[in-house]
Amino acid sequence: ETGKASDVGASSCTTCQAGEYASASIAATSCIACPSGRYSYTAGVVGVASCSECETGKASDVGASSCTTCQAGEYASASIAATSCIACPSGRYSYTAGVVGVASCSECETGKASD
C-alpha cells in the first residue's frame, strides 16, 4: 500500500510516520527518515520529495515532523532547508528570532559585551 513498508517475512505493512517517507509507492521495503533541513508532518508519504524544506529562519534534524524557529541569539545555517540553528559568536547578538546567517548577528556596541 502507498506510504507503507515491510521487512522480509512481515505479516503486515507499517505506515511510515511523520518525519519519514516510504522508499517506493508500491512494495516499499523501508521507511526512511527525512533528511535534516526537511520535514514531513504527514504520515504515509512516498519519496524524499514529500519532505518539505524548512522555511527561512527555521531548521530541523533528521526525521523531523516540523521545523524549529531559530531563537534570538541564534541564526539559521541556510536561507531554506537549514540543518541547524547556530549561536551568534562572542561579541555579536541577535534579539530577533528566525534570522539567517552570521551577518544577522549584530556587533556589540563600544563598551558592551554579549553573553
PDB file of N, CA and C in Angstrom:
ATOM      1  N   GLU A   1       0.838  -1.191   0.000  1.00  0.00           N
ATOM      2  CA  GLU A   1       0.000   0.000   0.000  1.00  0.00           C
ATOM      3  C   GLU A   1       0.878   1.248   0.000  1.00  0.00           C
ATOM      4  N   THR A   2       0.369   2.315  -0.544  1.00  0.00           N
ATOM      5  CA  THR A   2       1.101   3.571  -0.615  1.00  0.00           C
ATOM      6  C   THR A   2       1.415   4.103   0.773  1.00  0.00           C
ATOM      7  N   GLY A   3       2.677   4.537   0.984  1.00  0.00           N
ATOM      8  CA  GLY A   3       3.092   5.121   2.254  1.00  0.00           C
ATOM      9  C   GLY A   3       3.346   4.116   3.357  1.00  0.00           C
ATOM     10  N   LYS A   4       3.422   2.830   2.991  1.00  0.00           N
ATOM     11  CA  LYS A   4       3.680   1.779   3.974  1.00  0.00           C
ATOM     12  C   LYS A   4       4.881   0.964   3.530  1.00  0.00           C
ATOM     13  N   ALA A   5       5.478   0.245   4.480  1.00  0.00           N
ATOM     14  CA  ALA A   5       6.645  -0.574   4.177  1.00  0.00           C
ATOM     15  C   ALA A   5       6.616  -1.838   5.025  1.00  0.00           C
ATOM     16  N   SER A   6       7.405  -2.844   4.593  1.00  0.00           N
ATOM     17  CA  SER A   6       7.519  -4.070   5.380  1.00  0.00           C
ATOM     18  C   SER A   6       8.878  -4.709   5.155  1.00  0.00           C
ATOM     19  N   ASP A   7       9.341  -5.442   6.155  1.00  0.00           N
ATOM     20  CA  ASP A   7      10.579  -6.212   6.072  1.00  0.00           C
ATOM     21  C   ASP A   7      10.276  -7.619   5.567  1.00  0.00           C
ATOM     22  N   VAL A   8      11.309  -8.395   5.340  1.00  0.00           N
ATOM     23  CA  VAL A   8      11.181  -9.784   4.925  1.00  0.00           C
ATOM     24  C   VAL A   8      10.393 -10.560   5.985  1.00  0.00           C
ATOM     25  N   GLY A   9       9.418 -11.331   5.557  1.00  0.00           N
ATOM     26  CA  GLY A   9       8.651 -12.173   6.455  1.00  0.00           C
ATOM     27  C   GLY A   9       7.605 -11.464   7.286  1.00  0.00           C
ATOM     28  N   ALA A  10       7.321 -10.203   6.979  1.00  0.00           N
ATOM     29  CA  ALA A  10       6.331  -9.450   7.747  1.00  0.00           C
ATOM     30  C   ALA A  10       4.929  -9.958   7.465  1.00  0.00           C
ATOM     31  N   SER A  11       4.066  -9.867   8.464  1.00  0.00           N
ATOM     32  CA  SER A  11       2.676 -10.290   8.287  1.00  0.00           C
ATOM     33  C   SER A  11       1.775  -9.119   7.898  1.00  0.00           C
ATOM     34  N   SER A  12       2.322  -7.914   7.965  1.00  0.00           N
ATOM     35  CA  SER A  12       1.560  -6.731   7.548  1.00  0.00           C
ATOM     36  C   SER A  12       2.533  -5.599   7.242  1.00  0.00           C
ATOM     37  N   CYS A  13       2.009  -4.549   6.642  1.00  0.00           N
ATOM     38  CA  CYS A  13       2.819  -3.365   6.336  1.00  0.00           C
ATOM     39  C   CYS A  13       2.647  -2.340   7.452  1.00  0.00           C
ATOM     40  N   THR A  14       3.668  -1.525   7.643  1.00  0.00           N
ATOM     41  CA  THR A  14       3.656  -0.474   8.655  1.00  0.00           C
ATOM     42  C   THR A  14       3.581   0.874   7.956  1.00  0.00           C
ATOM     43  N   THR A  15       2.697   1.743   8.427  1.00  0.00           N
ATOM     44  CA  THR A  15       2.607   3.098   7.869  1.00  0.00           C
ATOM     45  C   THR A  15       3.834   3.892   8.295  1.00  0.00           C
ATOM     46  N   CYS A  16       4.471   4.547   7.339  1.00  0.00           N
ATOM     47  CA  CYS A  16       5.603   5.419   7.660  1.00  0.00           C
ATOM     48  C   CYS A  16       5.070   6.610   8.457  1.00  0.00           C
ATOM     49  N   GLN A  17       5.766   6.956   9.528  1.00  0.00           N
ATOM     50  CA  GLN A  17       5.331   8.003  10.449  1.00  0.00           C
ATOM     51  C   GLN A  17       5.675   9.399   9.926  1.00  0.00           C
ATOM     52  N   ALA A  18       5.124  10.413  10.571  1.00  0.00           N
ATOM     53  CA  ALA A  18       5.518  11.790  10.281  1.00  0.00           C
ATOM     54  C   ALA A  18       7.030  11.881  10.471  1.00  0.00           C
ATOM     55  N   GLY A  19       7.719  12.576   9.572  1.00  0.00           N
ATOM     56  CA  GLY A  19       9.177  12.658   9.619  1.00  0.00           C
ATOM     57  C   GLY A  19       9.863  11.569   8.825  1.00  0.00           C
ATOM     58  N   GLU A  20       9.068  10.682   8.218  1.00  0.00           N
ATOM     59  CA  GLU A  20       9.592   9.592   7.390  1.00  0.00           C
ATOM     60  C   GLU A  20       8.852   9.561   6.058  1.00  0.00           C
ATOM     61  N   TYR A  21       9.419   8.828   5.109  1.00  0.00           N
ATOM     62  CA  TYR A  21       8.745   8.599   3.832  1.00  0.00           C
ATOM     63  C   TYR A  21       9.006   7.168   3.386  1.00  0.00           C
ATOM     64  N   ALA A  22       8.080   6.612   2.623  1.00  0.00           N
ATOM     65  CA  ALA A  22       8.260   5.277   2.061  1.00  0.00           C
ATOM     66  C   ALA A  22       9.203   5.376   0.876  1.00  0.00           C
ATOM     67  N   SER A  23      10.036   4.357   0.713  1.00  0.00           N
ATOM     68  CA  SER A  23      11.035   4.372  -0.354  1.00  0.00           C
ATOM     69  C   SER A  23      10.444   4.193  -1.746  1.00  0.00           C
ATOM     70  N   ALA A  24       9.226   3.670  -1.846  1.00  0.00           N
ATOM     71  CA  ALA A  24       8.557   3.466  -3.131  1.00  0.00           C
ATOM     72  C   ALA A  24       7.051   3.509  -2.916  1.00  0.00           C
ATOM     73  N   SER A  25       6.299   3.782  -3.971  1.00  0.00           N
ATOM     74  CA  SER A  25       4.847   3.863  -3.825  1.00  0.00           C
ATOM     75  C   SER A  25       4.206   2.491  -3.651  1.00  0.00           C
ATOM     76  N   ILE A  26       4.837   1.461  -4.215  1.00  0.00           N
ATOM     77  CA  ILE A  26       4.328   0.093  -4.081  1.00  0.00           C
ATOM     78  C   ILE A  26       5.495  -0.799  -3.661  1.00  0.00           C
ATOM     79  N   ALA A  27       5.240  -1.723  -2.752  1.00  0.00           N
ATOM     80  CA  ALA A  27       6.237  -2.698  -2.280  1.00  0.00           C
ATOM     81  C   ALA A  27       7.458  -2.041  -1.653  1.00  0.00           C
ATOM     82  N   ALA A  28       7.235  -0.988  -0.863  1.00  0.00           N
ATOM     83  CA  ALA A  28       8.353  -0.338  -0.173  1.00  0.00           C
ATOM     84  C   ALA A  28       8.910  -1.274   0.888  1.00  0.00           C
ATOM     85  N   THR A  29      10.222  -1.309   0.990  1.00  0.00           N
ATOM     86  CA  THR A  29      10.867  -2.185   1.965  1.00  0.00           C
ATOM     87  C   THR A  29      11.258  -1.457   3.241  1.00  0.00           C
ATOM     88  N   SER A  30      11.206  -0.128   3.219  1.00  0.00           N
ATOM     89  CA  SER A  30      11.593   0.597   4.430  1.00  0.00           C
ATOM     90  C   SER A  30      11.001   1.996   4.464  1.00  0.00           C
ATOM     91  N   CYS A  31      10.907   2.509   5.670  1.00  0.00           N
ATOM     92  CA  CYS A  31      10.565   3.912   5.881  1.00  0.00           C
ATOM     93  C   CYS A  31      11.888   4.616   6.150  1.00  0.00           C
ATOM     94  N   ILE A  32      12.095   5.729   5.498  1.00  0.00           N
ATOM     95  CA  ILE A  32      13.365   6.455   5.586  1.00  0.00           C
ATOM     96  C   ILE A  32      13.109   7.808   6.228  1.00  0.00           C
ATOM     97  N   ALA A  33      13.969   8.202   7.155  1.00  0.00           N
ATOM     98  CA  ALA A  33      13.836   9.494   7.829  1.00  0.00           C
ATOM     99  C   ALA A  33      14.079  10.638   6.845  1.00  0.00           C
ATOM    100  N   CYS A  34      13.257  11.676   6.930  1.00  0.00           N
ATOM    101  CA  CYS A  34      13.505  12.879   6.129  1.00  0.00           C
ATOM    102  C   CYS A  34      14.894  13.414   6.487  1.00  0.00           C
ATOM    103  N   PRO A  35      15.637  13.915   5.502  1.00  0.00           N
ATOM    104  CA  PRO A  35      16.972  14.443   5.798  1.00  0.00           C
ATOM    105  C   PRO A  35      16.891  15.725   6.628  1.00  0.00           C
ATOM    106  N   SER A  36      17.968  16.081   7.300  1.00  0.00           N
ATOM    107  CA  SER A  36      17.986  17.322   8.064  1.00  0.00           C
ATOM    108  C   SER A  36      17.732  18.491   7.118  1.00  0.00           C
ATOM    109  N   GLY A  37      17.048  19.497   7.632  1.00  0.00           N
ATOM    110  CA  GLY A  37      16.665  20.646   6.812  1.00  0.00           C
ATOM    111  C   GLY A  37      15.330  20.449   6.116  1.00  0.00           C
ATOM    112  N   ARG A  38      14.738  19.268   6.295  1.00  0.00           N
ATOM    113  CA  ARG A  38      13.440  18.938   5.706  1.00  0.00           C
ATOM    114  C   ARG A  38      12.555  18.289   6.757  1.00  0.00           C
ATOM    115  N   TYR A  39      11.260  18.258   6.515  1.00  0.00           N
ATOM    116  CA  TYR A  39      10.319  17.672   7.466  1.00  0.00           C
ATOM    117  C   TYR A  39       9.098  17.136   6.744  1.00  0.00           C
ATOM    118  N   SER A  40       8.353  16.289   7.425  1.00  0.00           N
ATOM    119  CA  SER A  40       7.068  15.823   6.938  1.00  0.00           C
ATOM    120  C   SER A  40       6.153  15.682   8.144  1.00  0.00           C
ATOM    121  N   TYR A  41       5.076  16.440   8.173  1.00  0.00           N
ATOM    122  CA  TYR A  41       4.146  16.357   9.304  1.00  0.00           C
ATOM    123  C   TYR A  41       3.037  15.342   9.043  1.00  0.00           C
ATOM    124  N   THR A  42       3.041  14.745   7.858  1.00  0.00           N
ATOM    125  CA  THR A  42       2.015  13.784   7.483  1.00  0.00           C
ATOM    126  C   THR A  42       2.591  12.372   7.456  1.00  0.00           C
ATOM    127  N   ALA A  43       1.871  11.409   8.001  1.00  0.00           N
ATOM    128  CA  ALA A  43       2.282  10.002   7.938  1.00  0.00           C
ATOM    129  C   ALA A  43       1.884   9.421   6.582  1.00  0.00           C
ATOM    130  N   GLY A  44       2.604   8.398   6.137  1.00  0.00           N
ATOM    131  CA  GLY A  44       2.240   7.668   4.933  1.00  0.00           C
ATOM    132  C   GLY A  44       2.596   8.331   3.621  1.00  0.00           C
ATOM    133  N   VAL A  45       3.627   9.169   3.601  1.00  0.00           N
ATOM    134  CA  VAL A  45       4.022   9.820   2.351  1.00  0.00           C
ATOM    135  C   VAL A  45       5.070   8.979   1.620  1.00  0.00           C
ATOM    136  N   VAL A  46       5.262   9.253   0.334  1.00  0.00           N
ATOM    137  CA  VAL A  46       6.168   8.477  -0.510  1.00  0.00           C
ATOM    138  C   VAL A  46       7.214   9.391  -1.138  1.00  0.00           C
ATOM    139  N   GLY A  47       8.470   9.000  -1.052  1.00  0.00           N
ATOM    140  CA  GLY A  47       9.566   9.713  -1.707  1.00  0.00           C
ATOM    141  C   GLY A  47      10.071  10.907  -0.923  1.00  0.00           C
ATOM    142  N   VAL A  48      11.374  11.162  -1.062  1.00  0.00           N
ATOM    143  CA  VAL A  48      12.011  12.265  -0.340  1.00  0.00           C
ATOM    144  C   VAL A  48      11.410  13.619  -0.716  1.00  0.00           C
ATOM    145  N   ALA A  49      10.853  13.735  -1.905  1.00  0.00           N
ATOM    146  CA  ALA A  49      10.220  15.000  -2.318  1.00  0.00           C
ATOM    147  C   ALA A  49       9.018  15.327  -1.435  1.00  0.00           C
ATOM    148  N   SER A  50       8.493  14.334  -0.717  1.00  0.00           N
ATOM    149  CA  SER A  50       7.383  14.558   0.207  1.00  0.00           C
ATOM    150  C   SER A  50       7.839  15.258   1.479  1.00  0.00           C
ATOM    151  N   CYS A  51       9.135  15.312   1.701  1.00  0.00           N
ATOM    152  CA  CYS A  51       9.696  16.024   2.850  1.00  0.00           C
ATOM    153  C   CYS A  51       9.931  17.472   2.428  1.00  0.00           C
ATOM    154  N   SER A  52       9.196  18.381   3.017  1.00  0.00           N
ATOM    155  CA  SER A  52       9.286  19.805   2.664  1.00  0.00           C
ATOM    156  C   SER A  52      10.540  20.436   3.252  1.00  0.00           C
ATOM    157  N   GLU A  53      11.055  21.454   2.569  1.00  0.00           N
ATOM    158  CA  GLU A  53      12.211  22.193   3.085  1.00  0.00           C
ATOM    159  C   GLU A  53      11.763  23.121   4.210  1.00  0.00           C
ATOM    160  N   CYS A  54      12.605  23.261   5.214  1.00  0.00           N
ATOM    161  CA  CYS A  54      12.314  24.215   6.284  1.00  0.00           C
ATOM    162  C   CYS A  54      12.282  25.627   5.698  1.00  0.00           C
ATOM    163  N   GLU A  55      11.377  26.428   6.224  1.00  0.00           N
ATOM    164  CA  GLU A  55      11.235  27.801   5.766  1.00  0.00           C
ATOM    165  C   GLU A  55      12.383  28.667   6.304  1.00  0.00           C
ATOM    166  N   THR A  56      12.503  29.865   5.788  1.00  0.00           N
ATOM    167  CA  THR A  56      13.531  30.807   6.206  1.00  0.00           C
ATOM    168  C   THR A  56      13.529  30.993   7.723  1.00  0.00           C
ATOM    169  N   GLY A  57      14.710  30.905   8.330  1.00  0.00           N
ATOM    170  CA  GLY A  57      14.853  31.117   9.768  1.00  0.00           C
ATOM    171  C   GLY A  57      14.507  29.931  10.627  1.00  0.00           C
ATOM    172  N   LYS A  58      14.255  28.763   9.987  1.00  0.00           N
ATOM    173  CA  LYS A  58      13.924  27.546  10.719  1.00  0.00           C
ATOM    174  C   LYS A  58      14.889  26.436  10.327  1.00  0.00           C
ATOM    175  N   ALA A  59      15.009  25.417  11.195  1.00  0.00           N
ATOM    176  CA  ALA A  59      15.920  24.305  10.934  1.00  0.00           C
ATOM    177  C   ALA A  59      15.310  23.015  11.472  1.00  0.00           C
ATOM    178  N   SER A  60      15.844  21.880  10.999  1.00  0.00           N
ATOM    179  CA  SER A  60      15.383  20.584  11.515  1.00  0.00           C
ATOM    180  C   SER A  60      16.498  19.563  11.485  1.00  0.00           C
ATOM    181  N   ASP A  61      16.373  18.576  12.379  1.00  0.00           N
ATOM    182  CA  ASP A  61      17.262  17.420  12.399  1.00  0.00           C
ATOM    183  C   ASP A  61      16.689  16.340  11.485  1.00  0.00           C
ATOM    184  N   VAL A  62      17.417  15.266  11.314  1.00  0.00           N
ATOM    185  CA  VAL A  62      16.961  14.111  10.551  1.00  0.00           C
ATOM    186  C   VAL A  62      15.678  13.560  11.174  1.00  0.00           C
ATOM    187  N   GLY A  63      14.690  13.227  10.341  1.00  0.00           N
ATOM    188  CA  GLY A  63      13.458  12.601  10.816  1.00  0.00           C
ATOM    189  C   GLY A  63      12.482  13.543  11.496  1.00  0.00           C
ATOM    190  N   ALA A  64      12.557  14.814  11.194  1.00  0.00           N
ATOM    191  CA  ALA A  64      11.701  15.802  11.860  1.00  0.00           C
ATOM    192  C   ALA A  64      10.288  15.821  11.280  1.00  0.00           C
ATOM    193  N   SER A  65       9.320  16.061  12.149  1.00  0.00           N
ATOM    194  CA  SER A  65       7.936  16.229  11.706  1.00  0.00           C
ATOM    195  C   SER A  65       7.571  17.704  11.621  1.00  0.00           C
ATOM    196  N   SER A  66       8.498  18.577  12.025  1.00  0.00           N
ATOM    197  CA  SER A  66       8.326  20.022  11.887  1.00  0.00           C
ATOM    198  C   SER A  66       9.696  20.677  11.989  1.00  0.00           C
ATOM    199  N   CYS A  67       9.757  21.939  11.628  1.00  0.00           N
ATOM    200  CA  CYS A  67      10.998  22.702  11.751  1.00  0.00           C
ATOM    201  C   CYS A  67      10.887  23.616  12.967  1.00  0.00           C
ATOM    202  N   THR A  68      12.021  23.940  13.550  1.00  0.00           N
ATOM    203  CA  THR A  68      12.080  24.789  14.728  1.00  0.00           C
ATOM    204  C   THR A  68      12.597  26.162  14.338  1.00  0.00           C
ATOM    205  N   THR A  69      11.928  27.204  14.804  1.00  0.00           N
ATOM    206  CA  THR A  69      12.394  28.566  14.552  1.00  0.00           C
ATOM    207  C   THR A  69      13.652  28.820  15.368  1.00  0.00           C
ATOM    208  N   CYS A  70      14.686  29.343  14.734  1.00  0.00           N
ATOM    209  CA  CYS A  70      15.901  29.715  15.450  1.00  0.00           C
ATOM    210  C   CYS A  70      15.562  30.879  16.382  1.00  0.00           C
ATOM    211  N   GLN A  71      16.000  30.778  17.618  1.00  0.00           N
ATOM    212  CA  GLN A  71      15.653  31.746  18.652  1.00  0.00           C
ATOM    213  C   GLN A  71      16.540  32.992  18.590  1.00  0.00           C
ATOM    214  N   ALA A  72      16.164  34.009  19.338  1.00  0.00           N
ATOM    215  CA  ALA A  72      17.015  35.193  19.491  1.00  0.00           C
ATOM    216  C   ALA A  72      18.369  34.713  20.002  1.00  0.00           C
ATOM    217  N   GLY A  73      19.453  35.252  19.462  1.00  0.00           N
ATOM    218  CA  GLY A  73      20.797  34.811  19.833  1.00  0.00           C
ATOM    219  C   GLY A  73      21.323  33.698  18.954  1.00  0.00           C
ATOM    220  N   GLU A  74      20.512  33.252  18.001  1.00  0.00           N
ATOM    221  CA  GLU A  74      20.900  32.210  17.056  1.00  0.00           C
ATOM    222  C   GLU A  74      20.593  32.670  15.629  1.00  0.00           C
ATOM    223  N   TYR A  75      21.166  31.949  14.663  1.00  0.00           N
ATOM    224  CA  TYR A  75      20.845  32.188  13.260  1.00  0.00           C
ATOM    225  C   TYR A  75      20.754  30.849  12.538  1.00  0.00           C
ATOM    226  N   ALA A  76      19.939  30.799  11.498  1.00  0.00           N
ATOM    227  CA  ALA A  76      19.807  29.582  10.690  1.00  0.00           C
ATOM    228  C   ALA A  76      21.029  29.443   9.797  1.00  0.00           C
ATOM    229  N   SER A  77      21.442  28.187   9.584  1.00  0.00           N
ATOM    230  CA  SER A  77      22.644  27.913   8.799  1.00  0.00           C
ATOM    231  C   SER A  77      22.468  28.149   7.296  1.00  0.00           C
ATOM    232  N   ALA A  78      21.229  28.257   6.813  1.00  0.00           N
ATOM    233  CA  ALA A  78      20.949  28.489   5.391  1.00  0.00           C
ATOM    234  C   ALA A  78      19.606  29.206   5.281  1.00  0.00           C
ATOM    235  N   SER A  79      19.357  29.823   4.133  1.00  0.00           N
ATOM    236  CA  SER A  79      18.105  30.567   3.980  1.00  0.00           C
ATOM    237  C   SER A  79      16.893  29.651   3.899  1.00  0.00           C
ATOM    238  N   ILE A  80      17.025  28.487   3.260  1.00  0.00           N
ATOM    239  CA  ILE A  80      15.974  27.465   3.283  1.00  0.00           C
ATOM    240  C   ILE A  80      16.638  26.119   3.532  1.00  0.00           C
ATOM    241  N   ALA A  81      15.886  25.181   4.054  1.00  0.00           N
ATOM    242  CA  ALA A  81      16.387  23.834   4.349  1.00  0.00           C
ATOM    243  C   ALA A  81      17.593  23.857   5.290  1.00  0.00           C
ATOM    244  N   ALA A  82      17.556  24.748   6.285  1.00  0.00           N
ATOM    245  CA  ALA A  82      18.657  24.833   7.249  1.00  0.00           C
ATOM    246  C   ALA A  82      18.708  23.568   8.090  1.00  0.00           C
ATOM    247  N   THR A  83      19.914  23.112   8.349  1.00  0.00           N
ATOM    248  CA  THR A  83      20.102  21.899   9.138  1.00  0.00           C
ATOM    249  C   THR A  83      20.329  22.186  10.614  1.00  0.00           C
ATOM    250  N   SER A  84      20.602  23.452  10.955  1.00  0.00           N
ATOM    251  CA  SER A  84      20.830  23.769  12.364  1.00  0.00           C
ATOM    252  C   SER A  84      20.662  25.259  12.636  1.00  0.00           C
ATOM    253  N   CYS A  85      20.429  25.546  13.911  1.00  0.00           N
ATOM    254  CA  CYS A  85      20.469  26.912  14.419  1.00  0.00           C
ATOM    255  C   CYS A  85      21.803  27.037  15.145  1.00  0.00           C
ATOM    256  N   ILE A  86      22.520  28.098  14.866  1.00  0.00           N
ATOM    257  CA  ILE A  86      23.871  28.276  15.397  1.00  0.00           C
ATOM    258  C   ILE A  86      23.883  29.515  16.282  1.00  0.00           C
ATOM    259  N   ALA A  87      24.526  29.422  17.424  1.00  0.00           N
ATOM    260  CA  ALA A  87      24.626  30.559  18.346  1.00  0.00           C
ATOM    261  C   ALA A  87      25.455  31.673  17.724  1.00  0.00           C
ATOM    262  N   CYS A  88      25.017  32.913  17.919  1.00  0.00           N
ATOM    263  CA  CYS A  88      25.818  34.056  17.478  1.00  0.00           C
ATOM    264  C   CYS A  88      27.172  33.990  18.188  1.00  0.00           C
ATOM    265  N   PRO A  89      28.246  34.337  17.486  1.00  0.00           N
ATOM    266  CA  PRO A  89      29.573  34.270  18.110  1.00  0.00           C
ATOM    267  C   PRO A  89      29.747  35.341  19.191  1.00  0.00           C
ATOM    268  N   SER A  90      30.752  35.167  20.021  1.00  0.00           N
ATOM    269  CA  SER A  90      31.065  36.154  21.059  1.00  0.00           C
ATOM    270  C   SER A  90      31.237  37.522  20.428  1.00  0.00           C
ATOM    271  N   GLY A  91      30.712  38.517  21.114  1.00  0.00           N
ATOM    272  CA  GLY A  91      30.821  39.887  20.620  1.00  0.00           C
ATOM    273  C   GLY A  91      29.720  40.262  19.646  1.00  0.00           C
ATOM    274  N   ARG A  92      28.806  39.338  19.385  1.00  0.00           N
ATOM    275  CA  ARG A  92      27.680  39.594  18.485  1.00  0.00           C
ATOM    276  C   ARG A  92      26.397  39.131  19.161  1.00  0.00           C
ATOM    277  N   TYR A  93      25.272  39.652  18.702  1.00  0.00           N
ATOM    278  CA  TYR A  93      23.976  39.302  19.288  1.00  0.00           C
ATOM    279  C   TYR A  93      22.885  39.420  18.229  1.00  0.00           C
ATOM    280  N   SER A  94      21.760  38.805  18.525  1.00  0.00           N
ATOM    281  CA  SER A  94      20.563  38.956  17.696  1.00  0.00           C
ATOM    282  C   SER A  94      19.369  38.923  18.627  1.00  0.00           C
ATOM    283  N   TYR A  95      18.582  39.963  18.637  1.00  0.00           N
ATOM    284  CA  TYR A  95      17.400  39.989  19.500  1.00  0.00           C
ATOM    285  C   TYR A  95      16.157  39.519  18.748  1.00  0.00           C
ATOM    286  N   THR A  96      16.319  39.166  17.478  1.00  0.00           N
ATOM    287  CA  THR A  96      15.202  38.728  16.645  1.00  0.00           C
ATOM    288  C   THR A  96      15.299  37.228  16.379  1.00  0.00           C
ATOM    289  N   ALA A  97      14.205  36.520  16.504  1.00  0.00           N
ATOM    290  CA  ALA A  97      14.161  35.092  16.168  1.00  0.00           C
ATOM    291  C   ALA A  97      14.010  34.915  14.659  1.00  0.00           C
ATOM    292  N   GLY A  98      14.488  33.792  14.131  1.00  0.00           N
ATOM    293  CA  GLY A  98      14.276  33.440  12.735  1.00  0.00           C
ATOM    294  C   GLY A  98      15.174  34.148  11.740  1.00  0.00           C
ATOM    295  N   VAL A  99      16.361  34.557  12.154  1.00  0.00           N
ATOM    296  CA  VAL A  99      17.277  35.217  11.228  1.00  0.00           C
ATOM    297  C   VAL A  99      18.178  34.194  10.554  1.00  0.00           C
ATOM    298  N   VAL A 100      18.807  34.597   9.444  1.00  0.00           N
ATOM    299  CA  VAL A 100      19.628  33.693   8.637  1.00  0.00           C
ATOM    300  C   VAL A 100      21.039  34.251   8.495  1.00  0.00           C
ATOM    301  N   GLY A 101      22.027  33.430   8.746  1.00  0.00           N
ATOM    302  CA  GLY A 101      23.423  33.793   8.520  1.00  0.00           C
ATOM    303  C   GLY A 101      24.032  34.605   9.645  1.00  0.00           C
ATOM    304  N   VAL A 102      25.334  34.417   9.845  1.00  0.00           N
ATOM    305  CA  VAL A 102      26.052  35.101  10.920  1.00  0.00           C
ATOM    306  C   VAL A 102      25.996  36.617  10.759  1.00  0.00           C
ATOM    307  N   ALA A 103      25.848  37.111   9.539  1.00  0.00           N
ATOM    308  CA  ALA A 103      25.753  38.556   9.322  1.00  0.00           C
ATOM    309  C   ALA A 103      24.513  39.143   9.992  1.00  0.00           C
ATOM    310  N   SER A 104      23.548  38.292  10.335  1.00  0.00           N
ATOM    311  CA  SER A 104      22.345  38.756  11.027  1.00  0.00           C
ATOM    312  C   SER A 104      22.608  39.019  12.505  1.00  0.00           C
ATOM    313  N   CYS A 105      23.737  38.579  13.001  1.00  0.00           N
ATOM    314  CA  CYS A 105      24.133  38.847  14.389  1.00  0.00           C
ATOM    315  C   CYS A 105      24.889  40.175  14.411  1.00  0.00           C
ATOM    316  N   SER A 106      24.335  41.135  15.086  1.00  0.00           N
ATOM    317  CA  SER A 106      24.941  42.477  15.148  1.00  0.00           C
ATOM    318  C   SER A 106      26.141  42.491  16.087  1.00  0.00           C
ATOM    319  N   GLU A 107      27.092  43.363  15.793  1.00  0.00           N
ATOM    320  CA  GLU A 107      28.251  43.532  16.674  1.00  0.00           C
ATOM    321  C   GLU A 107      27.842  44.337  17.895  1.00  0.00           C
ATOM    322  N   CYS A 108      28.405  43.986  19.042  1.00  0.00           N
ATOM    323  CA  CYS A 108      28.137  44.740  20.251  1.00  0.00           C
ATOM    324  C   CYS A 108      28.711  46.156  20.110  1.00  0.00           C
ATOM    325  N   GLU A 109      27.999  47.107  20.682  1.00  0.00           N
ATOM    326  CA  GLU A 109      28.463  48.496  20.640  1.00  0.00           C
ATOM    327  C   GLU A 109      29.647  48.686  21.580  1.00  0.00           C
ATOM    328  N   THR A 110      30.389  49.726  21.384  1.00  0.00           N
ATOM    329  CA  THR A 110      31.532  50.041  22.212  1.00  0.00           C
ATOM    330  C   THR A 110      31.107  50.089  23.680  1.00  0.00           C
ATOM    331  N   GLY A 111      31.863  49.396  24.512  1.00  0.00           N
ATOM    332  CA  GLY A 111      31.591  49.386  25.948  1.00  0.00           C
ATOM    333  C   GLY A 111      30.585  48.327  26.362  1.00  0.00           C
ATOM    334  N   LYS A 112      30.102  47.510  25.428  1.00  0.00           N
ATOM    335  CA  LYS A 112      29.135  46.457  25.757  1.00  0.00           C
ATOM    336  C   LYS A 112      29.673  45.114  25.294  1.00  0.00           C
ATOM    337  N   ALA A 113      29.197  44.042  25.935  1.00  0.00           N
ATOM    338  CA  ALA A 113      29.618  42.689  25.574  1.00  0.00           C
ATOM    339  C   ALA A 113      28.388  41.806  25.472  1.00  0.00           C
ATOM    340  N   SER A 114      28.526  40.692  24.755  1.00  0.00           N
ATOM    341  CA  SER A 114      27.427  39.738  24.662  1.00  0.00           C
ATOM    342  C   SER A 114      27.647  38.607  25.646  1.00  0.00           C
ATOM    343  N   ASP A 115      26.564  37.942  26.015  1.00  0.00           N
ATOM    344  CA  ASP A 115      26.665  36.797  26.946  1.00  0.00           C
ATOM    345  C   ASP A 115      27.206  35.583  26.236  1.00  0.00           C
TER     346      ASP A 115
END
